[in-house]
Protein backbone atom coordinates (compact mmCIF):
# COMPACT_ATOMS: atom_id res chain seq x y z
CA UNK A 1 44.36 -222.81 126.92
CA UNK A 2 46.10 -219.68 128.15
CA UNK A 3 48.36 -219.68 131.22
CA UNK A 4 50.84 -217.50 133.05
CA UNK A 5 50.05 -213.83 132.52
CA UNK A 6 47.36 -214.78 129.96
CA UNK A 7 44.28 -215.37 132.14
CA UNK A 8 41.91 -215.92 129.24
CA UNK A 9 38.27 -215.16 130.02
CA UNK A 10 37.15 -214.23 133.52
CA UNK A 11 34.03 -215.31 135.37
CA UNK A 12 31.96 -213.03 137.57
CA UNK A 13 33.53 -214.59 140.69
CA UNK A 14 37.00 -213.85 139.33
CA UNK A 15 37.55 -217.41 138.12
CA UNK A 16 40.19 -217.51 135.40
CA UNK A 17 39.84 -219.53 132.22
CA UNK A 18 43.50 -220.57 132.45
CA UNK A 19 42.87 -222.27 135.83
CA UNK A 20 39.61 -223.95 134.84
CA UNK A 21 41.09 -225.20 131.56
CA UNK A 22 44.18 -226.65 133.23
CA UNK A 23 42.09 -228.41 135.89
CA UNK A 24 39.82 -229.96 133.25
CA UNK A 25 42.78 -230.96 131.10
CA UNK A 26 44.49 -232.74 133.98
CA UNK A 27 41.27 -234.65 134.65
CA UNK A 28 40.99 -235.46 130.94
CA UNK A 29 44.57 -236.69 130.93
CA UNK A 30 43.83 -239.04 133.85
CA UNK A 31 40.60 -240.26 132.21
CA UNK A 32 42.30 -241.02 128.91
CA UNK A 33 45.32 -242.61 130.60
CA UNK A 34 43.01 -245.03 132.43
CA UNK A 35 41.79 -246.10 128.98
CA UNK A 36 45.36 -246.72 127.85
CA UNK A 37 46.01 -243.50 125.93
CA UNK A 38 49.33 -241.70 126.02
CA UNK A 39 48.48 -238.07 126.73
CA UNK A 40 50.86 -235.16 126.35
CA UNK A 41 49.91 -231.75 127.72
CA UNK A 42 51.30 -228.60 126.16
CA UNK A 43 50.95 -226.90 129.56
CA UNK A 44 51.15 -228.68 132.92
CA UNK A 45 51.53 -225.61 135.17
CA UNK A 46 50.40 -222.00 135.24
CA UNK A 47 53.04 -220.92 132.75
CA UNK A 48 53.36 -218.66 129.72
CA UNK A 49 53.77 -220.63 126.53
CA UNK A 50 53.92 -219.26 123.03
CA UNK A 51 52.05 -220.92 120.20
CA UNK A 52 55.44 -221.99 118.87
CA UNK A 53 56.25 -223.68 122.22
CA UNK A 54 52.93 -225.52 122.07
CA UNK A 55 53.47 -226.57 118.45
CA UNK A 56 56.95 -227.90 119.26
CA UNK A 57 55.47 -230.03 122.04
CA UNK A 58 52.79 -231.34 119.68
CA UNK A 59 55.22 -232.24 116.91
CA UNK A 60 57.91 -233.78 119.13
CA UNK A 61 55.30 -235.88 120.93
CA UNK A 62 54.17 -237.42 117.64
CA UNK A 63 50.57 -236.78 118.66
CA UNK A 64 47.71 -238.44 116.80
CA UNK A 65 44.97 -236.03 117.92
CA UNK A 66 45.00 -232.49 119.29
CA UNK A 67 42.25 -231.19 121.55
CA UNK A 68 42.51 -227.66 122.94
CA UNK A 69 40.39 -226.97 126.04
CA UNK A 70 38.95 -223.53 126.87
CA UNK A 71 36.09 -221.73 128.62
CA UNK A 72 34.04 -219.31 126.56
CA UNK A 73 33.00 -215.72 127.27
CA UNK A 74 30.55 -213.25 125.78
CA UNK A 75 32.92 -210.36 126.45
CA UNK A 76 31.54 -207.01 127.49
CA UNK A 77 28.82 -206.47 124.88
CA UNK A 78 26.16 -208.98 125.96
CA UNK A 79 24.39 -209.82 129.20
CA UNK A 80 26.41 -212.81 130.51
CA UNK A 81 23.31 -214.51 131.90
CA UNK A 82 21.78 -214.66 128.40
CA UNK A 83 24.45 -216.85 126.77
CA UNK A 84 25.41 -220.32 127.97
CA UNK A 85 26.39 -223.73 126.72
CA UNK A 86 29.20 -225.65 125.12
CA UNK A 87 30.69 -225.46 121.65
CA UNK A 88 33.38 -227.02 119.53
CA UNK A 89 35.45 -225.56 116.73
CA UNK A 90 37.48 -226.86 113.82
CA UNK A 91 39.37 -225.15 111.03
CA UNK A 92 39.43 -227.80 108.30
CA UNK A 93 36.19 -229.57 107.38
CA UNK A 94 37.91 -232.95 107.51
CA UNK A 95 38.16 -232.51 111.30
CA UNK A 96 34.48 -231.69 111.81
CA UNK A 97 33.73 -235.32 112.80
CA UNK A 98 36.11 -235.08 115.78
CA UNK A 99 34.60 -231.81 116.97
CA UNK A 100 31.05 -233.14 116.50
CA UNK A 101 31.77 -236.34 118.45
CA UNK A 102 33.10 -234.28 121.34
CA UNK A 103 30.17 -231.83 121.22
CA UNK A 104 27.61 -234.65 121.18
CA UNK A 105 29.20 -236.20 124.24
CA UNK A 106 29.52 -232.94 126.20
CA UNK A 107 25.84 -232.06 125.81
CA UNK A 108 25.14 -235.27 127.75
CA UNK A 109 26.44 -233.36 130.81
CA UNK A 110 23.31 -231.20 130.63
CA UNK A 111 24.99 -228.23 128.97
CA UNK A 112 23.15 -226.85 125.95
CA UNK A 113 24.83 -226.79 122.58
CA UNK A 114 26.10 -223.39 121.55
CA UNK A 115 27.15 -224.99 118.26
CA UNK A 116 29.88 -226.48 116.15
CA UNK A 117 31.82 -223.88 114.19
CA UNK A 118 33.95 -224.54 111.14
CA UNK A 119 36.66 -222.50 109.50
CA UNK A 120 37.74 -221.35 112.97
CA UNK A 121 41.02 -219.47 112.63
CA UNK A 122 42.96 -220.60 115.71
CA UNK A 123 46.63 -221.32 115.16
CA UNK A 124 46.66 -224.66 116.98
CA UNK A 125 43.83 -225.82 114.70
CA UNK A 126 45.84 -225.00 111.57
CA UNK A 127 47.82 -228.23 111.14
CA UNK A 128 46.31 -230.64 108.67
CA UNK A 129 48.59 -233.50 109.72
CA UNK A 130 46.51 -234.54 112.73
CA UNK A 131 42.83 -234.32 113.62
CA UNK A 132 42.23 -231.40 115.94
CA UNK A 133 39.43 -229.51 117.65
CA UNK A 134 39.01 -226.65 120.07
CA UNK A 135 36.50 -227.17 122.88
CA UNK A 136 34.81 -224.25 124.63
CA UNK A 137 33.59 -226.28 127.59
CA UNK A 138 31.05 -223.71 128.81
CA UNK A 139 30.68 -219.95 129.23
CA UNK A 140 32.73 -218.87 132.23
CA UNK A 141 31.04 -215.48 131.78
CA UNK A 142 27.63 -217.05 132.51
CA UNK A 143 27.08 -217.32 136.28
CA UNK A 144 25.44 -220.78 136.11
CA UNK A 145 28.02 -222.18 133.69
CA UNK A 146 30.81 -220.69 135.81
CA UNK A 147 29.55 -222.50 138.92
CA UNK A 148 29.52 -225.76 136.96
CA UNK A 149 33.05 -225.13 135.65
CA UNK A 150 34.30 -224.55 139.20
CA UNK A 151 32.73 -227.79 140.51
CA UNK A 152 35.33 -230.62 140.62
CA UNK A 153 32.63 -233.26 140.05
CA UNK A 154 31.39 -231.42 136.96
CA UNK A 155 34.98 -231.10 135.72
CA UNK A 156 35.30 -234.88 136.09
CA UNK A 157 32.08 -235.33 134.13
CA UNK A 158 33.32 -232.98 131.39
CA UNK A 159 36.59 -234.91 131.18
CA UNK A 160 34.70 -238.19 130.93
CA UNK A 161 32.52 -236.88 128.12
CA UNK A 162 35.36 -235.24 126.18
CA UNK A 163 37.21 -238.56 126.40
CA UNK A 164 34.01 -240.29 125.24
CA UNK A 165 33.86 -237.99 122.23
CA UNK A 166 37.46 -238.81 121.35
CA UNK A 167 36.68 -242.52 121.70
CA UNK A 168 33.57 -242.15 119.52
CA UNK A 169 35.67 -240.44 116.87
CA UNK A 170 38.34 -243.16 116.95
CA UNK A 171 35.67 -245.88 116.72
CA UNK A 172 34.14 -244.14 113.69
CA UNK A 173 37.58 -244.09 112.05
CA UNK A 174 37.93 -247.83 112.60
CA UNK A 175 34.52 -248.40 110.99
CA UNK A 176 35.53 -246.41 107.92
């Protein structure tokens, strides 16, 4: 998520969502590649990309699954220390299983569940041609979650569990 001049959410230390998301995504790419997956990133550097640029990458890559990685924020209306955890989002109910598999795996990192939200109106979750989910890894606005998100070992653990959620989803598809 985000990139270039679009920082996304900010943590209290000044950590930027765009940097945390890219670091986690690169770790996720390596984790999935070790399992034999072909992974295509829509952003590999700190660059500005439009939604159209991202969609072109997705379609030309002939992707089978789309997972968008982010870090959540409460904004300016709530005490940041009061809200923490991980959440997943989907737009179309048929993709709820993917988002639930990922959420169930991520909570094994020790993060609490902030929920699984359907009907989420995010443009990259609009396509119906491939299963997709948006992952809010943790609240970068929460000081404790932010420290976890900045920890390389925790990022590795998140990547492992997101990959595990994708694997769980694929296994459930094979069973059906």
